[in-house]
């Protein structure tokens, strides 16, 4: 069920801009990213990939904005 949860969090982050919603996703990652949990590596990788994708998306949008 972990993969399903991580996929759902990703979809939520990609679709929503509401601060409360994004904060809830952040808190979920924080709770799951405990180094004592056996799932830590999987969650950490998923979180890192999501952050990388969001930064790339931001940079592309910023570049487009600055070109206009």
Protein backbone atom coordinates (compact mmCIF):
# COMPACT_ATOMS: atom_id res chain seq x y z
CA UNK A 1 0.00 0.00 0.00
CA UNK A 2 3.02 2.27 0.38
CA UNK A 3 3.46 2.70 -3.36
CA UNK A 4 -0.19 3.64 -3.70
CA UNK A 5 0.09 6.20 -0.90
CA UNK A 6 3.22 7.75 -2.40
CA UNK A 7 1.58 7.90 -5.82
CA UNK A 8 -1.49 9.61 -4.35
CA UNK A 9 0.64 12.17 -2.49
CA UNK A 10 2.50 12.92 -5.73
CA UNK A 11 -0.78 13.44 -7.59
CA UNK A 12 -2.08 15.74 -4.86
CA UNK A 13 1.08 17.86 -4.90
CA UNK A 14 0.96 18.11 -8.69
CA UNK A 15 -2.71 19.22 -8.73
CA UNK A 16 -3.14 21.46 -5.70
CA UNK A 17 -1.86 24.86 -4.66
CA UNK A 18 -3.69 25.24 -1.36
CA UNK A 19 -1.18 25.74 1.46
CA UNK A 20 -3.05 23.50 3.90
CA UNK A 21 -3.19 20.63 1.42
CA UNK A 22 0.51 20.89 0.55
CA UNK A 23 1.42 21.18 4.22
CA UNK A 24 -0.49 17.97 4.94
CA UNK A 25 1.52 16.23 2.21
CA UNK A 26 4.72 17.59 3.69
CA UNK A 27 3.79 16.35 7.14
CA UNK A 28 3.02 12.92 5.71
CA UNK A 29 6.44 12.73 4.08
CA UNK A 30 8.00 13.90 7.34
CA UNK A 31 6.24 11.18 9.31
CA UNK A 32 7.20 8.47 6.81
CA UNK A 33 10.82 9.60 6.43
CA UNK A 34 11.98 8.24 9.74
CA UNK A 35 15.37 6.55 9.34
CA UNK A 36 14.26 3.86 11.78
CA UNK A 37 11.49 2.69 9.42
CA UNK A 38 12.31 0.01 6.86
CA UNK A 39 10.39 2.06 4.28
CA UNK A 40 12.69 5.07 4.72
CA UNK A 41 14.69 4.58 1.50
CA UNK A 42 11.61 4.14 -0.68
CA UNK A 43 9.90 7.19 0.77
CA UNK A 44 13.07 9.28 0.63
CA UNK A 45 13.58 8.44 -3.04
CA UNK A 46 9.95 9.25 -3.88
CA UNK A 47 10.17 12.54 -2.00
CA UNK A 48 13.43 13.48 -3.69
CA UNK A 49 12.06 12.67 -7.14
CA UNK A 50 8.98 14.76 -6.48
CA UNK A 51 11.06 17.70 -5.29
CA UNK A 52 13.37 17.45 -8.31
CA UNK A 53 10.40 17.41 -10.67
CA UNK A 54 8.78 20.39 -8.96
CA UNK A 55 12.03 22.39 -9.10
CA UNK A 56 12.42 21.54 -12.80
CA UNK A 57 8.83 22.58 -13.47
CA UNK A 58 9.35 25.85 -11.59
CA UNK A 59 12.55 26.59 -13.53
CA UNK A 60 10.84 25.93 -16.87
CA UNK A 61 7.92 28.17 -15.96
CA UNK A 62 10.25 30.89 -14.69
CA UNK A 63 12.29 30.72 -17.88
CA UNK A 64 9.10 31.00 -19.96
CA UNK A 65 7.95 33.94 -17.85
CA UNK A 66 11.24 35.77 -18.18
CA UNK A 67 11.26 35.30 -21.96
CA UNK A 68 7.88 36.99 -22.31
